[in-house]
Amino acid sequence: MRRLLARFVGDECGATAIEYCLIAAGISIVIVTAVNGVGSALNTKFSDVSSSLK
């Protein structure tokens, strides 16, 4: 039982997977924020063009 517990504590495969998931989540949050900002800016530009054409 002690060997099993020591092997479980020493195994770092799960920790590496969690680290990669956290990195991917951080990158996706940055991408969503950037796309949202660009979308708002484009919406404003298209509104300005639309009002200029009218």
N, C-alpha and C. Protein backbone atom coordinates (compact mmCIF):
# COMPACT_ATOMS: atom_id res chain seq x y z
N MET A 1 0.82 -1.19 0.00
CA MET A 1 0.00 0.00 0.00
C MET A 1 0.87 1.26 0.00
N ARG A 2 1.95 1.21 0.75
CA ARG A 2 2.85 2.36 0.82
C ARG A 2 3.50 2.61 -0.54
N ARG A 3 3.88 1.54 -1.25
CA ARG A 3 4.48 1.68 -2.57
C ARG A 3 3.49 2.29 -3.57
N LEU A 4 2.26 1.86 -3.48
CA LEU A 4 1.22 2.37 -4.37
C LEU A 4 1.00 3.87 -4.15
N LEU A 5 0.96 4.27 -2.89
CA LEU A 5 0.78 5.68 -2.57
C LEU A 5 2.00 6.50 -3.00
N ALA A 6 3.19 5.98 -2.82
CA ALA A 6 4.40 6.69 -3.24
C ALA A 6 4.44 6.83 -4.76
N ARG A 7 4.02 5.79 -5.48
CA ARG A 7 4.00 5.86 -6.93
C ARG A 7 2.95 6.87 -7.41
N PHE A 8 1.82 6.93 -6.72
CA PHE A 8 0.77 7.87 -7.07
C PHE A 8 1.23 9.32 -6.86
N VAL A 9 1.90 9.58 -5.77
CA VAL A 9 2.39 10.93 -5.47
C VAL A 9 3.50 11.32 -6.43
N GLY A 10 4.33 10.39 -6.83
CA GLY A 10 5.45 10.68 -7.72
C GLY A 10 5.08 10.82 -9.18
N ASP A 11 3.88 10.38 -9.56
CA ASP A 11 3.45 10.45 -10.95
C ASP A 11 3.07 11.89 -11.30
N GLU A 12 3.71 12.45 -12.33
CA GLU A 12 3.45 13.83 -12.71
C GLU A 12 2.76 13.97 -14.06
N CYS A 13 2.26 12.90 -14.62
CA CYS A 13 1.60 12.97 -15.92
C CYS A 13 0.33 13.81 -15.85
N GLY A 14 -0.43 13.65 -14.81
CA GLY A 14 -1.66 14.42 -14.66
C GLY A 14 -1.38 15.90 -14.47
N ALA A 15 -0.32 16.22 -13.75
CA ALA A 15 0.02 17.62 -13.52
C ALA A 15 0.40 18.31 -14.83
N THR A 16 1.09 17.61 -15.69
CA THR A 16 1.47 18.17 -16.98
C THR A 16 0.23 18.43 -17.83
N ALA A 17 -0.71 17.51 -17.82
CA ALA A 17 -1.94 17.69 -18.59
C ALA A 17 -2.74 18.88 -18.06
N ILE A 18 -2.78 19.04 -16.76
CA ILE A 18 -3.51 20.17 -16.18
C ILE A 18 -2.82 21.48 -16.55
N GLU A 19 -1.50 21.50 -16.55
CA GLU A 19 -0.78 22.71 -16.95
C GLU A 19 -1.08 23.08 -18.39
N TYR A 20 -1.09 22.10 -19.28
CA TYR A 20 -1.42 22.38 -20.67
C TYR A 20 -2.85 22.88 -20.81
N CYS A 21 -3.76 22.34 -20.05
CA CYS A 21 -5.16 22.81 -20.09
C CYS A 21 -5.27 24.24 -19.60
N LEU A 22 -4.53 24.60 -18.57
CA LEU A 22 -4.56 25.98 -18.08
C LEU A 22 -3.98 26.95 -19.10
N ILE A 23 -2.91 26.53 -19.77
CA ILE A 23 -2.32 27.37 -20.82
C ILE A 23 -3.32 27.56 -21.97
N ALA A 24 -3.97 26.48 -22.39
CA ALA A 24 -4.95 26.57 -23.47
C ALA A 24 -6.13 27.45 -23.07
N ALA A 25 -6.57 27.35 -21.83
CA ALA A 25 -7.68 28.19 -21.36
C ALA A 25 -7.27 29.66 -21.36
N GLY A 26 -6.06 29.96 -20.93
CA GLY A 26 -5.58 31.34 -20.95
C GLY A 26 -5.51 31.91 -22.35
N ILE A 27 -4.99 31.13 -23.27
CA ILE A 27 -4.89 31.57 -24.66
C ILE A 27 -6.28 31.79 -25.26
N SER A 28 -7.21 30.90 -24.96
CA SER A 28 -8.56 31.05 -25.51
C SER A 28 -9.26 32.29 -24.94
N ILE A 29 -9.02 32.62 -23.68
CA ILE A 29 -9.60 33.83 -23.11
C ILE A 29 -9.05 35.07 -23.81
N VAL A 30 -7.76 35.07 -24.09
CA VAL A 30 -7.15 36.20 -24.80
C VAL A 30 -7.73 36.32 -26.20
N ILE A 31 -7.91 35.21 -26.89
CA ILE A 31 -8.45 35.23 -28.25
C ILE A 31 -9.89 35.75 -28.25
N VAL A 32 -10.70 35.28 -27.32
CA VAL A 32 -12.10 35.72 -27.25
C VAL A 32 -12.17 37.21 -26.95
N THR A 33 -11.33 37.69 -26.06
CA THR A 33 -11.32 39.12 -25.73
C THR A 33 -10.90 39.95 -26.93
N ALA A 34 -9.89 39.52 -27.65
CA ALA A 34 -9.43 40.25 -28.83
C ALA A 34 -10.49 40.27 -29.92
N VAL A 35 -11.12 39.15 -30.17
CA VAL A 35 -12.15 39.08 -31.21
C VAL A 35 -13.35 39.95 -30.83
N ASN A 36 -13.70 39.96 -29.55
CA ASN A 36 -14.81 40.78 -29.09
C ASN A 36 -14.49 42.26 -29.30
N GLY A 37 -13.27 42.67 -29.00
CA GLY A 37 -12.88 44.07 -29.20
C GLY A 37 -12.89 44.46 -30.66
N VAL A 38 -12.38 43.59 -31.52
CA VAL A 38 -12.37 43.87 -32.96
C VAL A 38 -13.79 43.92 -33.48
N GLY A 39 -14.66 43.05 -33.00
CA GLY A 39 -16.06 43.05 -33.43
C GLY A 39 -16.76 44.34 -33.06
N SER A 40 -16.50 44.84 -31.87
CA SER A 40 -17.10 46.11 -31.45
C SER A 40 -16.60 47.26 -32.30
N ALA A 41 -15.32 47.26 -32.59
CA ALA A 41 -14.75 48.32 -33.43
C ALA A 41 -15.32 48.27 -34.84
N LEU A 42 -15.47 47.08 -35.39
CA LEU A 42 -16.04 46.96 -36.73
C LEU A 42 -17.51 47.37 -36.76
N ASN A 43 -18.23 47.04 -35.72
CA ASN A 43 -19.64 47.42 -35.65
C ASN A 43 -19.77 48.94 -35.65
N THR A 44 -18.90 49.61 -34.92
CA THR A 44 -18.91 51.07 -34.90
C THR A 44 -18.59 51.64 -36.28
N LYS A 45 -17.59 51.09 -36.94
CA LYS A 45 -17.20 51.57 -38.27
C LYS A 45 -18.34 51.38 -39.28
N PHE A 46 -18.97 50.19 -39.27
CA PHE A 46 -20.06 49.94 -40.20
C PHE A 46 -21.26 50.84 -39.91
N SER A 47 -21.49 51.14 -38.65
CA SER A 47 -22.58 52.06 -38.30
C SER A 47 -22.28 53.47 -38.83
N ASP A 48 -21.02 53.89 -38.70
CA ASP A 48 -20.63 55.20 -39.22
C ASP A 48 -20.79 55.26 -40.74
N VAL A 49 -20.36 54.22 -41.42
CA VAL A 49 -20.49 54.18 -42.88
C VAL A 49 -21.95 54.17 -43.28
N SER A 50 -22.76 53.41 -42.58
CA SER A 50 -24.18 53.34 -42.89
C SER A 50 -24.86 54.68 -42.70
N SER A 51 -24.53 55.37 -41.62
CA SER A 51 -25.15 56.69 -41.40
C SER A 51 -24.62 57.72 -42.40
N SER A 52 -23.39 57.59 -42.87
CA SER A 52 -22.85 58.50 -43.87
C SER A 52 -23.52 58.31 -45.22
N LEU A 53 -23.88 57.07 -45.55
CA LEU A 53 -24.52 56.78 -46.82
C LEU A 53 -25.97 57.25 -46.85
N LYS A 54 -26.59 57.35 -45.69
CA LYS A 54 -27.99 57.77 -45.65
C LYS A 54 -28.06 59.23 -45.75
